[in-house]
C-alpha atoms as a PDB file:
ATOM      1  CA  UNK A   1      -0.084  -0.085   0.257  1.00  0.00           C
ATOM      2  CA  UNK A   2       1.632   3.219  -1.226  1.00  0.00           C
ATOM      3  CA  UNK A   3      -1.260   5.823  -1.383  1.00  0.00           C
ATOM      4  CA  UNK A   4      -4.868   5.538  -1.688  1.00  0.00           C
ATOM      5  CA  UNK A   5      -8.020   7.288  -3.678  1.00  0.00           C
ATOM      6  CA  UNK A   6     -11.191   8.893  -2.304  1.00  0.00           C
ATOM      7  CA  UNK A   7     -14.488  10.122  -3.592  1.00  0.00           C
ATOM      8  CA  UNK A   8     -16.924  12.272  -1.776  1.00  0.00           C
ATOM      9  CA  UNK A   9     -17.994   9.240   0.233  1.00  0.00           C
ATOM     10  CA  UNK A  10     -15.592   6.658   0.336  1.00  0.00           C
ATOM     11  CA  UNK A  11     -11.684   5.687   0.599  1.00  0.00           C
ATOM     12  CA  UNK A  12     -10.367   3.334  -1.574  1.00  0.00           C
ATOM     13  CA  UNK A  13      -7.214   1.075  -0.960  1.00  0.00           C
ATOM     14  CA  UNK A  14      -5.641  -1.272  -3.099  1.00  0.00           C
ATOM     15  CA  UNK A  15      -3.261  -3.824  -1.781  1.00  0.00           C
ATOM     16  CA  UNK A  16      -0.824  -5.412  -4.094  1.00  0.00           C
ATOM     17  CA  UNK A  17       0.399  -8.992  -3.585  1.00  0.00           C
ATOM     18  CA  UNK A  18       4.005  -9.421  -3.257  1.00  0.00           C
ATOM     19  CA  UNK A  19       6.923 -11.302  -1.300  1.00  0.00           C
ATOM     20  CA  UNK A  20       9.782  -9.893   0.311  1.00  0.00           C
ATOM     21  CA  UNK A  21      13.067 -11.442  -0.285  1.00  0.00           C
ATOM     22  CA  UNK A  22      15.692 -11.010   2.750  1.00  0.00           C
ATOM     23  CA  UNK A  23      19.378  -9.998   1.248  1.00  0.00           C
ATOM     24  CA  UNK A  24      21.368  -7.221   0.204  1.00  0.00           C
ATOM     25  CA  UNK A  25      20.121  -4.497  -1.829  1.00  0.00           C
ATOM     26  CA  UNK A  26      17.359  -1.675  -1.117  1.00  0.00           C
ATOM     27  CA  UNK A  27      13.839  -2.353   0.350  1.00  0.00           C
ATOM     28  CA  UNK A  28      12.096  -1.995  -3.373  1.00  0.00           C
ATOM     29  CA  UNK A  29      14.431  -4.212  -4.734  1.00  0.00           C
ATOM     30  CA  UNK A  30      13.881  -7.313  -2.440  1.00  0.00           C
ATOM     31  CA  UNK A  31      10.503  -7.083  -3.294  1.00  0.00           C
ATOM     32  CA  UNK A  32       8.848  -9.585  -5.583  1.00  0.00           C
ATOM     33  CA  UNK A  33       5.370  -8.785  -7.032  1.00  0.00           C
ATOM     34  CA  UNK A  34       2.925 -11.481  -7.342  1.00  0.00           C
ATOM     35  CA  UNK A  35       1.407 -11.280 -10.637  1.00  0.00           C
ATOM     36  CA  UNK A  36      -0.358 -14.538 -10.632  1.00  0.00           C
ATOM     37  CA  UNK A  37      -2.712 -13.466  -7.716  1.00  0.00           C
ATOM     38  CA  UNK A  38      -5.511 -10.807  -7.580  1.00  0.00           C
ATOM     39  CA  UNK A  39      -5.265  -7.061  -6.427  1.00  0.00           C
ATOM     40  CA  UNK A  40      -7.342  -6.828  -3.252  1.00  0.00           C
ATOM     41  CA  UNK A  41      -9.045  -3.562  -2.820  1.00  0.00           C
ATOM     42  CA  UNK A  42     -10.932  -2.259   0.280  1.00  0.00           C
ATOM     43  CA  UNK A  43     -13.920   0.395   0.247  1.00  0.00           C
ATOM     44  CA  UNK A  44     -14.298   2.217   3.462  1.00  0.00           C
ATOM     45  CA  UNK A  45     -17.361   4.614   3.979  1.00  0.00           C
ATOM     46  CA  UNK A  46     -16.032   7.749   5.642  1.00  0.00           C
ATOM     47  CA  UNK A  47     -18.971   8.034   7.720  1.00  0.00           C
ATOM     48  CA  UNK A  48     -18.223   4.248   9.272  1.00  0.00           C
ATOM     49  CA  UNK A  49     -14.546   3.964   8.725  1.00  0.00           C
ATOM     50  CA  UNK A  50     -14.787   0.631  11.188  1.00  0.00           C
ATOM     51  CA  UNK A  51     -16.464  -1.173   8.069  1.00  0.00           C
ATOM     52  CA  UNK A  52     -14.870  -2.046   4.659  1.00  0.00           C
ATOM     53  CA  UNK A  53     -16.571  -4.054   1.528  1.00  0.00           C
ATOM     54  CA  UNK A  54     -13.713  -5.681  -0.123  1.00  0.00           C
ATOM     55  CA  UNK A  55     -13.398  -6.531  -4.073  1.00  0.00           C
ATOM     56  CA  UNK A  56     -11.126  -8.683  -6.337  1.00  0.00           C
ATOM     57  CA  UNK A  57      -9.412  -7.387  -9.683  1.00  0.00           C
ATOM     58  CA  UNK A  58      -6.710  -8.940 -11.962  1.00  0.00           C
ATOM     59  CA  UNK A  59      -3.332  -7.672 -10.780  1.00  0.00           C
ATOM     60  CA  UNK A  60      -1.683  -4.415 -11.345  1.00  0.00           C
ATOM     61  CA  UNK A  61       1.270  -2.953 -10.059  1.00  0.00           C
ATOM     62  CA  UNK A  62       0.474   0.822  -9.173  1.00  0.00           C
ATOM     63  CA  UNK A  63       1.618   3.336  -6.670  1.00  0.00           C
ATOM     64  CA  UNK A  64      -0.143   6.684  -7.473  1.00  0.00           C
ATOM     65  CA  UNK A  65      -3.854   7.515  -8.084  1.00  0.00           C
ATOM     66  CA  UNK A  66      -5.731  10.508 -10.159  1.00  0.00           C
ATOM     67  CA  UNK A  67      -9.104  11.192  -9.283  1.00  0.00           C
ATOM     68  CA  UNK A  68     -12.237   9.134  -8.187  1.00  0.00           C
ATOM     69  CA  UNK A  69     -15.713   9.558  -8.444  1.00  0.00           C
ATOM     70  CA  UNK A  70     -18.893   7.709  -8.066  1.00  0.00           C
ATOM     71  CA  UNK A  71     -21.632   7.169 -10.541  1.00  0.00           C
ATOM     72  CA  UNK A  72     -24.514   5.014 -11.293  1.00  0.00           C
ATOM     73  CA  UNK A  73     -23.552   2.702  -8.438  1.00  0.00           C
ATOM     74  CA  UNK A  74     -19.995   2.544  -9.557  1.00  0.00           C
ATOM     75  CA  UNK A  75     -16.646   3.771  -8.063  1.00  0.00           C
ATOM     76  CA  UNK A  76     -14.513   4.966 -10.794  1.00  0.00           C
ATOM     77  CA  UNK A  77     -11.078   5.472  -9.964  1.00  0.00           C
ATOM     78  CA  UNK A  78      -7.987   6.066 -12.058  1.00  0.00           C
ATOM     79  CA  UNK A  79      -4.085   5.056 -11.316  1.00  0.00           C
ATOM     80  CA  UNK A  80      -1.069   4.642 -13.084  1.00  0.00           C
ATOM     81  CA  UNK A  81      -0.445   1.024 -13.823  1.00  0.00           C
ATOM     82  CA  UNK A  82       3.428  -0.209 -14.446  1.00  0.00           C
ATOM     83  CA  UNK A  83       3.433  -2.898 -16.987  1.00  0.00           C
ATOM     84  CA  UNK A  84       7.041  -3.780 -16.538  1.00  0.00           C
ATOM     85  CA  UNK A  85       7.113  -5.221 -13.040  1.00  0.00           C
ATOM     86  CA  UNK A  86      10.630  -5.253 -12.788  1.00  0.00           C
ATOM     87  CA  UNK A  87      10.758  -1.664 -13.597  1.00  0.00           C
ATOM     88  CA  UNK A  88       7.972  -1.093 -10.950  1.00  0.00           C
ATOM     89  CA  UNK A  89       9.726  -2.648  -8.695  1.00  0.00           C
ATOM     90  CA  UNK A  90      12.595  -0.234  -8.747  1.00  0.00           C
ATOM     91  CA  UNK A  91      11.741   2.419 -10.896  1.00  0.00           C
ATOM     92  CA  UNK A  92      15.031   4.645 -10.587  1.00  0.00           C
ATOM     93  CA  UNK A  93      17.626   1.692 -10.232  1.00  0.00           C
ATOM     94  CA  UNK A  94      18.661   2.259 -13.647  1.00  0.00           C
ATOM     95  CA  UNK A  95      19.327   6.032 -12.947  1.00  0.00           C
ATOM     96  CA  UNK A  96      21.632   5.451 -10.219  1.00  0.00           C
ATOM     97  CA  UNK A  97      23.700   3.534 -12.182  1.00  0.00           C
ATOM     98  CA  UNK A  98      23.709   6.438 -15.168  1.00  0.00           C
ATOM     99  CA  UNK A  99      20.898   4.681 -17.426  1.00  0.00           C
ATOM    100  CA  UNK A 100      19.181   7.349 -19.519  1.00  0.00           C
ATOM    101  CA  UNK A 101      15.704   5.757 -19.776  1.00  0.00           C
ATOM    102  CA  UNK A 102      15.565   5.113 -16.226  1.00  0.00           C
ATOM    103  CA  UNK A 103      11.991   6.355 -15.803  1.00  0.00           C
ATOM    104  CA  UNK A 104      11.132   6.374 -19.547  1.00  0.00           C
ATOM    105  CA  UNK A 105       7.444   6.526 -19.256  1.00  0.00           C
ATOM    106  CA  UNK A 106       6.080   3.069 -18.508  1.00  0.00           C
ATOM    107  CA  UNK A 107       3.140   3.682 -16.985  1.00  0.00           C
ATOM    108  CA  UNK A 108      -0.583   3.769 -18.320  1.00  0.00           C
ATOM    109  CA  UNK A 109      -3.397   5.610 -16.952  1.00  0.00           C
ATOM    110  CA  UNK A 110      -6.059   2.784 -16.270  1.00  0.00           C
ATOM    111  CA  UNK A 111      -9.299   3.018 -14.904  1.00  0.00           C
ATOM    112  CA  UNK A 112     -10.770   0.818 -12.025  1.00  0.00           C
ATOM    113  CA  UNK A 113     -14.420   0.384 -11.803  1.00  0.00           C
ATOM    114  CA  UNK A 114     -15.973  -1.132  -8.757  1.00  0.00           C
ATOM    115  CA  UNK A 115     -19.590  -2.174  -8.962  1.00  0.00           C
ATOM    116  CA  UNK A 116     -21.353  -1.268  -5.577  1.00  0.00           C
ATOM    117  CA  UNK A 117     -24.273  -3.416  -6.355  1.00  0.00           C
ATOM    118  CA  UNK A 118     -22.765  -6.391  -7.866  1.00  0.00           C
ATOM    119  CA  UNK A 119     -19.764  -6.711  -6.452  1.00  0.00           C
ATOM    120  CA  UNK A 120     -17.533  -7.068  -9.448  1.00  0.00           C
ATOM    121  CA  UNK A 121     -13.923  -4.764 -10.327  1.00  0.00           C
ATOM    122  CA  UNK A 122     -12.666  -4.688 -13.518  1.00  0.00           C
ATOM    123  CA  UNK A 123      -9.721  -2.495 -15.399  1.00  0.00           C
ATOM    124  CA  UNK A 124     -10.580  -0.215 -18.386  1.00  0.00           C
ATOM    125  CA  UNK A 125      -7.699   1.321 -20.255  1.00  0.00           C
ATOM    126  CA  UNK A 126      -7.811   4.801 -21.208  1.00  0.00           C
ATOM    127  CA  UNK A 127      -5.224   5.075 -23.836  1.00  0.00           C
ATOM    128  CA  UNK A 128      -2.930   7.666 -21.909  1.00  0.00           C
ATOM    129  CA  UNK A 129       0.459   6.195 -21.603  1.00  0.00           C
ATOM    130  CA  UNK A 130       4.353   7.603 -20.817  1.00  0.00           C
ATOM    131  CA  UNK A 131       3.169   9.107 -17.749  1.00  0.00           C
ATOM    132  CA  UNK A 132       3.340   8.998 -13.790  1.00  0.00           C
ATOM    133  CA  UNK A 133       2.394  11.093 -10.773  1.00  0.00           C
ATOM    134  CA  UNK A 134      -1.075  11.959 -11.869  1.00  0.00           C
ATOM    135  CA  UNK A 135      -3.240  14.804 -10.145  1.00  0.00           C
ATOM    136  CA  UNK A 136      -6.314  16.854 -10.680  1.00  0.00           C
ATOM    137  CA  UNK A 137      -7.887  20.241  -9.574  1.00  0.00           C
ATOM    138  CA  UNK A 138      -9.229  19.119  -5.825  1.00  0.00           C
ATOM    139  CA  UNK A 139     -12.436  20.974  -6.551  1.00  0.00           C
ATOM    140  CA  UNK A 140     -13.352  18.731  -9.362  1.00  0.00           C
ATOM    141  CA  UNK A 141     -16.757  17.626  -9.107  1.00  0.00           C
ATOM    142  CA  UNK A 142     -17.258  14.447  -7.506  1.00  0.00           C
ATOM    143  CA  UNK A 143     -20.008  12.756 -10.178  1.00  0.00           C
ATOM    144  CA  UNK A 144     -17.581  12.846 -13.317  1.00  0.00           C
ATOM    145  CA  UNK A 145     -13.979  12.575 -14.455  1.00  0.00           C
ATOM    146  CA  UNK A 146     -11.347  15.301 -13.823  1.00  0.00           C
ATOM    147  CA  UNK A 147      -8.752  16.767 -15.917  1.00  0.00           C
ATOM    148  CA  UNK A 148      -5.459  14.867 -15.255  1.00  0.00           C
ATOM    149  CA  UNK A 149      -2.385  16.557 -15.136  1.00  0.00           C
ATOM    150  CA  UNK A 150       1.043  14.511 -15.357  1.00  0.00           C
ATOM    151  CA  UNK A 151       4.749  14.570 -16.076  1.00  0.00           C
ATOM    152  CA  UNK A 152       5.483  12.964 -19.478  1.00  0.00           C
ATOM    153  CA  UNK A 153       8.188  12.828 -22.191  1.00  0.00           C
ATOM    154  CA  UNK A 154       7.894  14.943 -25.414  1.00  0.00           C
ATOM    155  CA  UNK A 155      10.637  14.392 -27.928  1.00  0.00           C
ATOM    156  CA  UNK A 156      14.039  13.269 -27.273  1.00  0.00           C
ATOM    157  CA  UNK A 157      15.299  13.583 -23.809  1.00  0.00           C
ATOM    158  CA  UNK A 158      18.442  13.182 -22.234  1.00  0.00           C
ATOM    159  CA  UNK A 159      17.878  13.110 -18.537  1.00  0.00           C
ATOM    160  CA  UNK A 160      16.513   9.414 -16.864  1.00  0.00           C
ATOM    161  CA  UNK A 161      13.177  11.250 -15.965  1.00  0.00           C
ATOM    162  CA  UNK A 162      10.095  13.231 -17.775  1.00  0.00           C
ATOM    163  CA  UNK A 163      10.979  16.306 -19.663  1.00  0.00           C
ATOM    164  CA  UNK A 164       7.509  17.722 -20.098  1.00  0.00           C
ATOM    165  CA  UNK A 165       4.174  18.111 -18.370  1.00  0.00           C
ATOM    166  CA  UNK A 166       0.823  17.632 -20.035  1.00  0.00           C
ATOM    167  CA  UNK A 167      -2.827  17.512 -19.392  1.00  0.00           C
ATOM    168  CA  UNK A 168      -5.390  14.610 -20.222  1.00  0.00           C
ATOM    169  CA  UNK A 169      -9.345  15.285 -20.402  1.00  0.00           C
ATOM    170  CA  UNK A 170      -9.857  11.343 -21.260  1.00  0.00           C
ATOM    171  CA  UNK A 171     -13.631  11.965 -21.566  1.00  0.00           C
ATOM    172  CA  UNK A 172     -13.376  14.241 -24.596  1.00  0.00           C
ATOM    173  CA  UNK A 173     -10.093  12.772 -25.787  1.00  0.00           C
ATOM    174  CA  UNK A 174      -7.928  16.010 -25.411  1.00  0.00           C
ATOM    175  CA  UNK A 175      -4.154  16.153 -24.851  1.00  0.00           C
ATOM    176  CA  UNK A 176      -2.251  19.078 -24.034  1.00  0.00           C
ATOM    177  CA  UNK A 177       1.750  19.309 -23.677  1.00  0.00           C
ATOM    178  CA  UNK A 178       4.406  21.283 -23.128  1.00  0.00           C
ATOM    179  CA  UNK A 179       7.852  20.076 -23.412  1.00  0.00           C
ATOM    180  CA  UNK A 180      10.828  21.817 -21.377  1.00  0.00           C
ATOM    181  CA  UNK A 181      13.681  20.488 -23.676  1.00  0.00           C
ATOM    182  CA  UNK A 182      15.751  17.596 -24.195  1.00  0.00           C
ATOM    183  CA  UNK A 183      18.211  18.328 -21.093  1.00  0.00           C
ATOM    184  CA  UNK A 184      15.417  19.457 -18.879  1.00  0.00           C
ATOM    185  CA  UNK A 185      14.139  17.196 -16.010  1.00  0.00           C
ATOM    186  CA  UNK A 186      10.787  18.058 -15.022  1.00  0.00           C
ATOM    187  CA  UNK A 187       9.566  17.096 -11.621  1.00  0.00           C
ATOM    188  CA  UNK A 188       6.078  16.758 -10.530  1.00  0.00           C
ATOM    189  CA  UNK A 189       3.988  19.849 -10.718  1.00  0.00           C
ATOM    190  CA  UNK A 190       1.135  20.910  -8.347  1.00  0.00           C
ATOM    191  CA  UNK A 191      -1.876  22.584  -9.290  1.00  0.00           C
ATOM    192  CA  UNK A 192      -2.563  25.938  -7.509  1.00  0.00           C
ATOM    193  CA  UNK A 193      -6.358  27.113  -7.608  1.00  0.00           C
ATOM    194  CA  UNK A 194      -6.635  30.547  -8.782  1.00  0.00           C
ATOM    195  CA  UNK A 195      -7.543  32.878  -5.616  1.00  0.00           C
ATOM    196  CA  UNK A 196     -11.286  33.651  -5.872  1.00  0.00           C
ATOM    197  CA  UNK A 197     -12.134  31.376  -8.140  1.00  0.00           C
ATOM    198  CA  UNK A 198     -14.330  28.132  -7.744  1.00  0.00           C
ATOM    199  CA  UNK A 199     -14.427  27.122 -11.425  1.00  0.00           C
ATOM    200  CA  UNK A 200     -12.960  23.829 -11.560  1.00  0.00           C
ATOM    201  CA  UNK A 201      -9.385  23.680 -13.495  1.00  0.00           C
ATOM    202  CA  UNK A 202      -9.138  27.621 -13.322  1.00  0.00           C
ATOM    203  CA  UNK A 203      -5.517  27.741 -11.944  1.00  0.00           C
ATOM    204  CA  UNK A 204      -1.909  26.974 -12.583  1.00  0.00           C
ATOM    205  CA  UNK A 205       0.529  24.195 -12.598  1.00  0.00           C
ATOM    206  CA  UNK A 206       3.750  25.102 -10.447  1.00  0.00           C
ATOM    207  CA  UNK A 207       6.755  23.078 -11.022  1.00  0.00           C
ATOM    208  CA  UNK A 208      10.259  22.538 -10.542  1.00  0.00           C
ATOM    209  CA  UNK A 209      13.022  21.862 -13.333  1.00  0.00           C
ATOM    210  CA  UNK A 210      16.417  20.428 -13.518  1.00  0.00           C
ATOM    211  CA  UNK A 211      18.332  21.730 -16.493  1.00  0.00           C
ATOM    212  CA  UNK A 212      21.379  19.217 -16.645  1.00  0.00           C
ATOM    213  CA  UNK A 213      23.188  20.814 -19.625  1.00  0.00           C
ATOM    214  CA  UNK A 214      23.233  24.699 -18.105  1.00  0.00           C
ATOM    215  CA  UNK A 215      23.734  23.072 -14.725  1.00  0.00           C
ATOM    216  CA  UNK A 216      20.651  25.309 -13.317  1.00  0.00           C
ATOM    217  CA  UNK A 217      17.654  24.485 -11.410  1.00  0.00           C
ATOM    218  CA  UNK A 218      14.307  26.638 -12.242  1.00  0.00           C
ATOM    219  CA  UNK A 219      10.560  26.985 -11.387  1.00  0.00           C
ATOM    220  CA  UNK A 220       7.699  27.484 -13.947  1.00  0.00           C
ATOM    221  CA  UNK A 221       4.103  28.298 -14.034  1.00  0.00           C
ATOM    222  CA  UNK A 222       1.732  27.414 -16.559  1.00  0.00           C
ATOM    223  CA  UNK A 223      -2.000  28.199 -16.948  1.00  0.00           C
ATOM    224  CA  UNK A 224      -3.779  24.747 -16.225  1.00  0.00           C
ATOM    225  CA  UNK A 225      -6.189  25.282 -18.830  1.00  0.00           C
ATOM    226  CA  UNK A 226      -3.654  26.368 -21.586  1.00  0.00           C
ATOM    227  CA  UNK A 227      -0.681  23.981 -20.989  1.00  0.00           C
ATOM    228  CA  UNK A 228       0.527  23.831 -24.617  1.00  0.00           C
ATOM    229  CA  UNK A 229       1.113  27.385 -24.580  1.00  0.00           C
ATOM    230  CA  UNK A 230       3.911  27.076 -22.237  1.00  0.00           C
ATOM    231  CA  UNK A 231       4.830  28.953 -18.853  1.00  0.00           C
ATOM    232  CA  UNK A 232       3.353  32.240 -18.022  1.00  0.00           C
ATOM    233  CA  UNK A 233       6.346  32.779 -15.782  1.00  0.00           C
ATOM    234  CA  UNK A 234       9.590  30.805 -15.336  1.00  0.00           C
ATOM    235  CA  UNK A 235      12.963  31.663 -13.534  1.00  0.00           C
ATOM    236  CA  UNK A 236      16.052  30.049 -13.091  1.00  0.00           C
ATOM    237  CA  UNK A 237      18.927  29.753 -10.431  1.00  0.00           C
ATOM    238  CA  UNK A 238      22.579  30.014 -11.286  1.00  0.00           C
ATOM    239  CA  UNK A 239      23.050  26.770 -10.007  1.00  0.00           C
ATOM    240  CA  UNK A 240      21.282  23.226  -9.191  1.00  0.00           C
ATOM    241  CA  UNK A 241      19.235  22.180  -6.174  1.00  0.00           C
ATOM    242  CA  UNK A 242      18.279  18.382  -4.574  1.00  0.00           C
ATOM    243  CA  UNK A 243      15.677  17.053  -6.515  1.00  0.00           C
ATOM    244  CA  UNK A 244      11.938  17.104  -4.692  1.00  0.00           C
ATOM    245  CA  UNK A 245       9.548  14.176  -4.365  1.00  0.00           C
ATOM    246  CA  UNK A 246       5.797  14.597  -4.117  1.00  0.00           C
ATOM    247  CA  UNK A 247       3.947  17.972  -3.392  1.00  0.00           C
ATOM    248  CA  UNK A 248       1.107  19.710  -2.338  1.00  0.00           C
ATOM    249  CA  UNK A 249       0.161  23.347  -2.585  1.00  0.00           C
ATOM    250  CA  UNK A 250      -1.733  24.861   0.506  1.00  0.00           C
ATOM    251  CA  UNK A 251      -2.927  28.590   0.625  1.00  0.00           C
ATOM    252  CA  UNK A 252      -1.373  30.810   2.985  1.00  0.00           C
ATOM    253  CA  UNK A 253      -3.659  31.615   6.323  1.00  0.00           C
ATOM    254  CA  UNK A 254      -4.299  35.361   5.639  1.00  0.00           C
ATOM    255  CA  UNK A 255      -4.625  35.992   9.393  1.00  0.00           C
ATOM    256  CA  UNK A 256      -0.864  34.570   9.917  1.00  0.00           C
ATOM    257  CA  UNK A 257       2.106  36.693   8.992  1.00  0.00           C
ATOM    258  CA  UNK A 258       4.151  35.313   6.340  1.00  0.00           C
ATOM    259  CA  UNK A 259       7.607  34.728   7.808  1.00  0.00           C
ATOM    260  CA  UNK A 260       9.033  34.330   4.197  1.00  0.00           C
ATOM    261  CA  UNK A 261       7.476  36.788   1.976  1.00  0.00           C
ATOM    262  CA  UNK A 262       8.115  36.407  -1.909  1.00  0.00           C
ATOM    263  CA  UNK A 263       7.784  38.644  -4.464  1.00  0.00           C
ATOM    264  CA  UNK A 264       5.722  37.252  -7.498  1.00  0.00           C
ATOM    265  CA  UNK A 265       7.611  36.553 -10.775  1.00  0.00           C
ATOM    266  CA  UNK A 266       6.271  38.752 -13.523  1.00  0.00           C
ATOM    267  CA  UNK A 267       8.557  37.422 -16.345  1.00  0.00           C
ATOM    268  CA  UNK A 268       9.974  34.520 -18.292  1.00  0.00           C
ATOM    269  CA  UNK A 269      13.931  34.238 -18.655  1.00  0.00           C
END
């Protein structure tokens, strides 16, 4: 269990079967996924957390979830499935030994449907591939799919990671992508709602970057509704910073003084 999904009424936990092998190596490298066994899913009502309803689905190696919603007696949740089980077991192993294609986008966005009436669980492919770390506007409605934002690859890439960010409206078959360049590593972006707006999708994607060719780290801000237009603001440091992993935006409390005042970025460099 790495993460979970939730709807307005339920928490959804997926348990991936594996064996743990004692010996040398990092924790993840000792795991052996049991692809011949089923995935077990616990659906827990938010108003009755001591109870759970269990489902079984075909095996899938998944770590990160996108949105989830309920409609017509079904919980419909989306997650990134790793098709290469060895790659899923230790995604960055090749990068640690200098490989370029260590995390070359082996993940597919798949939809898991859980029937609350018939107890069935089934997978459906969305047609979206080459992504990881999906996120969405948390203000999205709970009865329909949300637009998914995720790092991906666009064109040639020299870094052992993603070099672009994309927006996927699976329901309408729409895709927008912005590539940062062959030598730029694009980390996970976070969604920042536009202050004062309640319209779903109205906000920005903010993400950190590493330009290995020029030895610098940076930050980019993109309009979440026009990702393919590129950054509305971008800035670079004259040096590199350590990479991060996962993140979330939280609005500041207007009643609390800000100990770290930051001037807004108004231009692009």
